[in-house]
PDB file of N, CA and C in Angstrom:
ATOM      1  N   MET A   1      19.152 -56.970  16.383  1.00  0.00           N
ATOM      2  CA  MET A   1      19.827 -55.790  16.767  1.00  0.00           C
ATOM      3  C   MET A   1      19.322 -54.641  15.881  1.00  0.00           C
ATOM      4  N   ALA A   2      19.614 -55.119  14.589  1.00  0.00           N
ATOM      5  CA  ALA A   2      19.263 -53.715  13.519  1.00  0.00           C
ATOM      6  C   ALA A   2      17.774 -53.568  13.749  1.00  0.00           C
ATOM      7  N   SER A   3      16.998 -54.346  13.575  1.00  0.00           N
ATOM      8  CA  SER A   3      15.574 -54.427  14.065  1.00  0.00           C
ATOM      9  C   SER A   3      14.811 -53.458  14.849  1.00  0.00           C
ATOM     10  N   ALA A   4      15.571 -53.416  16.081  1.00  0.00           N
ATOM     11  CA  ALA A   4      15.547 -52.976  17.351  1.00  0.00           C
ATOM     12  C   ALA A   4      15.919 -51.070  17.239  1.00  0.00           C
ATOM     13  N   PHE A   5      17.111 -51.133  16.575  1.00  0.00           N
ATOM     14  CA  PHE A   5      17.360 -49.886  16.236  1.00  0.00           C
ATOM     15  C   PHE A   5      16.745 -49.160  15.099  1.00  0.00           C
ATOM     16  N   ILE A   6      15.925 -49.748  14.323  1.00  0.00           N
ATOM     17  CA  ILE A   6      15.069 -49.237  12.988  1.00  0.00           C
ATOM     18  C   ILE A   6      13.693 -48.932  14.045  1.00  0.00           C
ATOM     19  N   GLY A   7      13.257 -49.744  14.909  1.00  0.00           N
ATOM     20  CA  GLY A   7      12.016 -49.283  15.886  1.00  0.00           C
ATOM     21  C   GLY A   7      12.269 -48.254  16.566  1.00  0.00           C
ATOM     22  N   VAL A   8      13.320 -48.197  17.414  1.00  0.00           N
ATOM     23  CA  VAL A   8      13.739 -47.027  18.090  1.00  0.00           C
ATOM     24  C   VAL A   8      13.940 -45.492  17.285  1.00  0.00           C
ATOM     25  N   VAL A   9      14.311 -45.652  16.083  1.00  0.00           N
ATOM     26  CA  VAL A   9      14.180 -44.693  14.961  1.00  0.00           C
ATOM     27  C   VAL A   9      13.065 -44.105  14.933  1.00  0.00           C
ATOM     28  N   ILE A  10      12.090 -45.067  14.294  1.00  0.00           N
ATOM     29  CA  ILE A  10      10.707 -44.825  13.862  1.00  0.00           C
ATOM     30  C   ILE A  10      10.008 -44.244  15.026  1.00  0.00           C
ATOM     31  N   ALA A  11      10.226 -44.829  16.343  1.00  0.00           N
ATOM     32  CA  ALA A  11       9.467 -44.276  17.590  1.00  0.00           C
ATOM     33  C   ALA A  11       9.946 -42.830  18.012  1.00  0.00           C
ATOM     34  N   LEU A  12      11.154 -42.628  17.911  1.00  0.00           N
ATOM     35  CA  LEU A  12      11.767 -41.339  18.031  1.00  0.00           C
ATOM     36  C   LEU A  12      11.065 -40.176  17.008  1.00  0.00           C
ATOM     37  N   ALA A  13      11.142 -40.559  15.873  1.00  0.00           N
ATOM     38  CA  ALA A  13      10.559 -39.786  14.580  1.00  0.00           C
ATOM     39  C   ALA A  13       9.360 -39.308  14.938  1.00  0.00           C
ATOM     40  N   VAL A  14       8.197 -40.384  15.262  1.00  0.00           N
ATOM     41  CA  VAL A  14       6.898 -40.149  15.410  1.00  0.00           C
ATOM     42  C   VAL A  14       6.722 -39.586  16.778  1.00  0.00           C
ATOM     43  N   GLY A  15       7.361 -39.828  17.818  1.00  0.00           N
ATOM     44  CA  GLY A  15       7.380 -39.160  19.069  1.00  0.00           C
ATOM     45  C   GLY A  15       7.489 -37.346  18.722  1.00  0.00           C
ATOM     46  N   LEU A  16       8.709 -37.158  18.049  1.00  0.00           N
ATOM     47  CA  LEU A  16       8.790 -35.852  17.681  1.00  0.00           C
ATOM     48  C   LEU A  16       7.728 -35.107  16.858  1.00  0.00           C
ATOM     49  N   PHE A  17       7.219 -35.896  15.720  1.00  0.00           N
ATOM     50  CA  PHE A  17       6.104 -35.253  15.153  1.00  0.00           C
ATOM     51  C   PHE A  17       4.906 -34.951  16.087  1.00  0.00           C
ATOM     52  N   VAL A  18       4.383 -36.030  16.732  1.00  0.00           N
ATOM     53  CA  VAL A  18       3.447 -35.772  17.785  1.00  0.00           C
ATOM     54  C   VAL A  18       3.457 -34.893  18.884  1.00  0.00           C
ATOM     55  N   GLY A  19       4.888 -34.746  19.310  1.00  0.00           N
ATOM     56  CA  GLY A  19       5.158 -33.582  20.444  1.00  0.00           C
ATOM     57  C   GLY A  19       5.137 -32.222  19.725  1.00  0.00           C
ATOM     58  N   ASN A  20       5.663 -32.140  18.260  1.00  0.00           N
ATOM     59  CA  ASN A  20       5.776 -30.729  17.609  1.00  0.00           C
ATOM     60  C   ASN A  20       4.238 -30.453  17.447  1.00  0.00           C
ATOM     61  N   SER A  21       3.382 -31.365  16.880  1.00  0.00           N
ATOM     62  CA  SER A  21       1.908 -31.058  16.832  1.00  0.00           C
ATOM     63  C   SER A  21       1.109 -30.955  17.823  1.00  0.00           C
ATOM     64  N   SER A  22       1.235 -31.135  19.090  1.00  0.00           N
ATOM     65  CA  SER A  22       0.892 -30.889  20.236  1.00  0.00           C
ATOM     66  C   SER A  22       1.363 -29.656  20.682  1.00  0.00           C
ATOM     67  N   GLN A  23       2.567 -29.502  20.695  1.00  0.00           N
ATOM     68  CA  GLN A  23       2.944 -28.020  20.988  1.00  0.00           C
ATOM     69  C   GLN A  23       2.251 -26.879  20.360  1.00  0.00           C
ATOM     70  N   ARG A  24       1.945 -27.420  18.776  1.00  0.00           N
ATOM     71  CA  ARG A  24       1.438 -26.131  18.143  1.00  0.00           C
ATOM     72  C   ARG A  24       0.255 -25.892  18.302  1.00  0.00           C
ATOM     73  N   ALA A  25      -0.565 -27.111  18.762  1.00  0.00           N
ATOM     74  CA  ALA A  25      -2.030 -26.981  19.194  1.00  0.00           C
ATOM     75  C   ALA A  25      -2.068 -26.108  20.466  1.00  0.00           C
ATOM     76  N   LYS A  26      -1.304 -26.389  21.298  1.00  0.00           N
ATOM     77  CA  LYS A  26      -1.270 -25.692  22.620  1.00  0.00           C
ATOM     78  C   LYS A  26      -1.046 -24.252  22.517  1.00  0.00           C
ATOM     79  N   ARG A  27      -0.230 -23.805  21.510  1.00  0.00           N
ATOM     80  CA  ARG A  27       0.115 -22.475  21.163  1.00  0.00           C
ATOM     81  C   ARG A  27      -0.920 -21.851  20.489  1.00  0.00           C
ATOM     82  N   ALA A  28      -1.966 -22.525  19.489  1.00  0.00           N
ATOM     83  CA  ALA A  28      -2.766 -22.033  18.904  1.00  0.00           C
ATOM     84  C   ALA A  28      -3.951 -21.951  19.905  1.00  0.00           C
ATOM     85  N   ARG A  29      -4.215 -22.512  20.711  1.00  0.00           N
ATOM     86  CA  ARG A  29      -5.358 -22.596  21.870  1.00  0.00           C
ATOM     87  C   ARG A  29      -4.994 -21.401  22.856  1.00  0.00           C
ATOM     88  N   LEU A  30      -4.034 -21.123  23.377  1.00  0.00           N
ATOM     89  CA  LEU A  30      -3.720 -20.090  23.584  1.00  0.00           C
ATOM     90  C   LEU A  30      -3.833 -18.742  23.126  1.00  0.00           C
ATOM     91  N   ASP A  31      -3.344 -18.526  21.778  1.00  0.00           N
ATOM     92  CA  ASP A  31      -3.574 -17.344  21.108  1.00  0.00           C
ATOM     93  C   ASP A  31      -5.262 -17.085  20.899  1.00  0.00           C
ATOM     94  N   TYR A  32      -5.980 -18.107  20.754  1.00  0.00           N
ATOM     95  CA  TYR A  32      -7.438 -18.235  20.697  1.00  0.00           C
ATOM     96  C   TYR A  32      -8.108 -17.582  21.794  1.00  0.00           C
ATOM     97  N   GLN A  33      -7.637 -17.888  23.115  1.00  0.00           N
ATOM     98  CA  GLN A  33      -8.110 -17.522  24.105  1.00  0.00           C
ATOM     99  C   GLN A  33      -7.787 -16.324  24.490  1.00  0.00           C
ATOM    100  N   ARG A  34      -6.858 -15.705  24.031  1.00  0.00           N
ATOM    101  CA  ARG A  34      -6.350 -14.402  24.296  1.00  0.00           C
ATOM    102  C   ARG A  34      -7.299 -13.522  23.293  1.00  0.00           C
ATOM    103  N   THR A  35      -7.257 -13.774  22.057  1.00  0.00           N
ATOM    104  CA  THR A  35      -7.955 -13.028  21.181  1.00  0.00           C
ATOM    105  C   THR A  35      -9.334 -12.981  21.329  1.00  0.00           C
ATOM    106  N   LYS A  36      -9.900 -13.895  22.094  1.00  0.00           N
ATOM    107  CA  LYS A  36     -11.263 -14.072  22.521  1.00  0.00           C
ATOM    108  C   LYS A  36     -11.454 -13.154  23.572  1.00  0.00           C
ATOM    109  N   ALA A  37     -10.517 -13.038  24.457  1.00  0.00           N
ATOM    110  CA  ALA A  37     -10.698 -12.267  25.780  1.00  0.00           C
ATOM    111  C   ALA A  37     -10.674 -10.639  25.387  1.00  0.00           C
ATOM    112  N   LEU A  38     -10.227 -10.259  24.188  1.00  0.00           N
ATOM    113  CA  LEU A  38      -9.955  -9.206  23.729  1.00  0.00           C
ATOM    114  C   LEU A  38     -11.207  -8.322  23.102  1.00  0.00           C
ATOM    115  N   ILE A  39     -12.024  -9.369  22.446  1.00  0.00           N
ATOM    116  CA  ILE A  39     -13.095  -8.936  21.648  1.00  0.00           C
ATOM    117  C   ILE A  39     -14.010  -7.987  22.461  1.00  0.00           C
ATOM    118  N   PRO A  40     -14.494  -8.433  23.725  1.00  0.00           N
ATOM    119  CA  PRO A  40     -15.354  -7.234  24.155  1.00  0.00           C
ATOM    120  C   PRO A  40     -14.826  -5.968  24.328  1.00  0.00           C
ATOM    121  N   ALA A  41     -13.676  -5.878  24.701  1.00  0.00           N
ATOM    122  CA  ALA A  41     -13.025  -4.477  24.732  1.00  0.00           C
ATOM    123  C   ALA A  41     -13.022  -3.832  23.457  1.00  0.00           C
ATOM    124  N   ALA A  42     -12.849  -4.368  22.422  1.00  0.00           N
ATOM    125  CA  ALA A  42     -12.656  -3.953  20.898  1.00  0.00           C
ATOM    126  C   ALA A  42     -14.118  -3.607  20.600  1.00  0.00           C
ATOM    127  N   ARG A  43     -14.970  -4.490  20.745  1.00  0.00           N
ATOM    128  CA  ARG A  43     -16.411  -4.260  20.415  1.00  0.00           C
ATOM    129  C   ARG A  43     -16.965  -2.721  21.300  1.00  0.00           C
ATOM    130  N   LYS A  44     -16.686  -2.595  22.562  1.00  0.00           N
ATOM    131  CA  LYS A  44     -16.969  -1.792  23.256  1.00  0.00           C
ATOM    132  C   LYS A  44     -16.437  -0.317  22.779  1.00  0.00           C
ATOM    133  N   VAL A  45     -15.305  -0.351  22.120  1.00  0.00           N
ATOM    134  CA  VAL A  45     -14.407   0.962  21.506  1.00  0.00           C
ATOM    135  C   VAL A  45     -15.179   1.044  20.136  1.00  0.00           C
ATOM    136  N   ALA A  46     -15.402   0.270  19.622  1.00  0.00           N
ATOM    137  CA  ALA A  46     -16.026   0.486  18.059  1.00  0.00           C
ATOM    138  C   ALA A  46     -17.513   1.034  18.252  1.00  0.00           C
ATOM    139  N   ILE A  47     -18.029   0.335  19.199  1.00  0.00           N
ATOM    140  CA  ILE A  47     -19.648   1.059  19.406  1.00  0.00           C
ATOM    141  C   ILE A  47     -19.443   2.440  20.073  1.00  0.00           C
ATOM    142  N   GLU A  48     -18.533   2.760  20.899  1.00  0.00           N
ATOM    143  CA  GLU A  48     -18.261   4.238  21.040  1.00  0.00           C
ATOM    144  C   GLU A  48     -17.762   5.096  20.070  1.00  0.00           C
ATOM    145  N   GLU A  49     -17.067   4.676  19.196  1.00  0.00           N
ATOM    146  CA  GLU A  49     -16.399   5.497  17.819  1.00  0.00           C
ATOM    147  C   GLU A  49     -17.616   5.605  16.819  1.00  0.00           C
ATOM    148  N   THR A  50     -18.327   4.610  16.925  1.00  0.00           N
ATOM    149  CA  THR A  50     -19.673   4.570  15.976  1.00  0.00           C
ATOM    150  C   THR A  50     -20.265   5.890  16.612  1.00  0.00           C
ATOM    151  N   MET A  51     -20.835   5.902  17.639  1.00  0.00           N
ATOM    152  CA  MET A  51     -21.767   6.782  18.332  1.00  0.00           C
ATOM    153  C   MET A  51     -21.146   8.128  18.181  1.00  0.00           C
ATOM    154  N   ARG A  52     -19.863   8.429  18.562  1.00  0.00           N
ATOM    155  CA  ARG A  52     -19.326   9.636  18.252  1.00  0.00           C
ATOM    156  C   ARG A  52     -19.362   9.994  16.904  1.00  0.00           C
ATOM    157  N   GLY A  53     -19.080   9.306  15.773  1.00  0.00           N
ATOM    158  CA  GLY A  53     -19.387   9.622  14.533  1.00  0.00           C
ATOM    159  C   GLY A  53     -20.605  10.056  14.010  1.00  0.00           C
ATOM    160  N   LEU A  54     -21.539   9.245  14.726  1.00  0.00           N
ATOM    161  CA  LEU A  54     -22.955   9.567  14.358  1.00  0.00           C
ATOM    162  C   LEU A  54     -23.295  10.933  15.096  1.00  0.00           C
ATOM    163  N   GLY A  55     -22.863  11.110  16.173  1.00  0.00           N
ATOM    164  CA  GLY A  55     -23.101  12.551  16.911  1.00  0.00           C
ATOM    165  C   GLY A  55     -22.793  13.807  16.001  1.00  0.00           C
ATOM    166  N   VAL A  56     -21.517  13.236  15.479  1.00  0.00           N
ATOM    167  CA  VAL A  56     -21.007  14.404  14.534  1.00  0.00           C
ATOM    168  C   VAL A  56     -21.821  14.650  13.018  1.00  0.00           C
ATOM    169  N   VAL A  57     -22.143  13.463  12.508  1.00  0.00           N
ATOM    170  CA  VAL A  57     -22.964  13.711  11.320  1.00  0.00           C
ATOM    171  C   VAL A  57     -24.352  14.368  11.563  1.00  0.00           C
ATOM    172  N   ALA A  58     -25.093  13.960  12.728  1.00  0.00           N
ATOM    173  CA  ALA A  58     -26.366  14.650  13.304  1.00  0.00           C
ATOM    174  C   ALA A  58     -26.108  15.920  13.396  1.00  0.00           C
ATOM    175  N   THR A  59     -25.162  16.362  14.046  1.00  0.00           N
ATOM    176  CA  THR A  59     -24.817  17.914  14.404  1.00  0.00           C
ATOM    177  C   THR A  59     -24.430  18.646  13.010  1.00  0.00           C
ATOM    178  N   ALA A  60     -23.862  17.926  12.133  1.00  0.00           N
ATOM    179  CA  ALA A  60     -23.761  18.773  10.910  1.00  0.00           C
ATOM    180  C   ALA A  60     -25.152  18.880   9.943  1.00  0.00           C
ATOM    181  N   ILE A  61     -25.903  17.656  10.114  1.00  0.00           N
ATOM    182  CA  ILE A  61     -27.373  17.972   9.566  1.00  0.00           C
ATOM    183  C   ILE A  61     -27.999  18.725  10.093  1.00  0.00           C
ATOM    184  N   ALA A  62     -28.126  18.809  11.498  1.00  0.00           N
ATOM    185  CA  ALA A  62     -28.878  19.822  12.124  1.00  0.00           C
ATOM    186  C   ALA A  62     -28.443  21.268  11.686  1.00  0.00           C
ATOM    187  N   VAL A  63     -27.325  21.618  11.875  1.00  0.00           N
ATOM    188  CA  VAL A  63     -26.446  22.818  11.265  1.00  0.00           C
ATOM    189  C   VAL A  63     -27.063  23.182   9.860  1.00  0.00           C
ATOM    190  N   VAL A  64     -26.704  22.345   8.900  1.00  0.00           N
ATOM    191  CA  VAL A  64     -27.289  22.757   7.578  1.00  0.00           C
ATOM    192  C   VAL A  64     -28.682  22.665   7.353  1.00  0.00           C
ATOM    193  N   VAL A  65     -29.551  22.133   8.244  1.00  0.00           N
ATOM    194  CA  VAL A  65     -30.993  22.352   8.114  1.00  0.00           C
ATOM    195  C   VAL A  65     -31.265  23.579   8.580  1.00  0.00           C
ATOM    196  N   GLY A  66     -30.691  24.113   9.817  1.00  0.00           N
ATOM    197  CA  GLY A  66     -31.053  25.359  10.361  1.00  0.00           C
ATOM    198  C   GLY A  66     -30.618  26.704   9.605  1.00  0.00           C
ATOM    199  N   LEU A  67     -29.398  26.397   8.929  1.00  0.00           N
ATOM    200  CA  LEU A  67     -28.964  27.360   7.938  1.00  0.00           C
ATOM    201  C   LEU A  67     -29.703  27.536   6.842  1.00  0.00           C
ATOM    202  N   GLY A  68     -30.307  26.297   6.226  1.00  0.00           N
ATOM    203  CA  GLY A  68     -31.177  26.315   5.230  1.00  0.00           C
ATOM    204  C   GLY A  68     -32.637  26.931   5.659  1.00  0.00           C
ATOM    205  N   PHE A  69     -33.078  26.533   6.792  1.00  0.00           N
ATOM    206  CA  PHE A  69     -34.223  27.348   7.271  1.00  0.00           C
ATOM    207  C   PHE A  69     -34.135  28.949   7.461  1.00  0.00           C
ATOM    208  N   VAL A  70     -32.927  29.056   7.870  1.00  0.00           N
ATOM    209  CA  VAL A  70     -32.759  30.866   7.751  1.00  0.00           C
ATOM    210  C   VAL A  70     -32.447  31.483   6.857  1.00  0.00           C
ATOM    211  N   MET A  71     -32.006  30.792   5.782  1.00  0.00           N
ATOM    212  CA  MET A  71     -32.004  31.149   4.372  1.00  0.00           C
ATOM    213  C   MET A  71     -33.334  31.493   3.854  1.00  0.00           C
ATOM    214  N   TYR A  72     -34.104  30.205   3.930  1.00  0.00           N
ATOM    215  CA  TYR A  72     -35.405  30.400   3.496  1.00  0.00           C
ATOM    216  C   TYR A  72     -36.353  31.757   4.080  1.00  0.00           C
ATOM    217  N   LEU A  73     -36.052  32.077   5.575  1.00  0.00           N
ATOM    218  CA  LEU A  73     -37.081  33.008   6.214  1.00  0.00           C
ATOM    219  C   LEU A  73     -36.377  34.197   5.538  1.00  0.00           C
ATOM    220  N   LEU A  74     -35.107  34.546   5.400  1.00  0.00           N
ATOM    221  CA  LEU A  74     -34.566  35.511   5.063  1.00  0.00           C
ATOM    222  C   LEU A  74     -34.919  35.855   3.420  1.00  0.00           C
ATOM    223  N   GLY A  75     -34.938  35.119   2.673  1.00  0.00           N
ATOM    224  CA  GLY A  75     -35.381  34.760   1.546  1.00  0.00           C
ATOM    225  C   GLY A  75     -36.946  35.610   1.221  1.00  0.00           C
ATOM    226  N   LYS A  76     -37.557  35.067   2.291  1.00  0.00           N
ATOM    227  CA  LYS A  76     -38.955  35.433   2.103  1.00  0.00           C
ATOM    228  C   LYS A  76     -39.287  36.890   2.412  1.00  0.00           C
ATOM    229  N   GLN A  77     -38.676  37.819   2.848  1.00  0.00           N
ATOM    230  CA  GLN A  77     -39.000  38.956   3.532  1.00  0.00           C
ATOM    231  C   GLN A  77     -38.888  39.760   2.236  1.00  0.00           C
TER     232      GLN A  77
END
């Protein structure tokens, strides 16, 4: 009788451990799939923001070069 009780307790402990591990694995897989689905949208936003920043930098460089050219022409007179 006592050995059957010990066997039941051990089986219960192992079952709880395996069930808990299985539940954690399912949650981790779901989190992974959700995060993986968000990556294309995040990549698109990052590329758009990078292009916007490059446009601002290119505009600033064009203005500085243009002003330098105008100052050069005015100084030449």
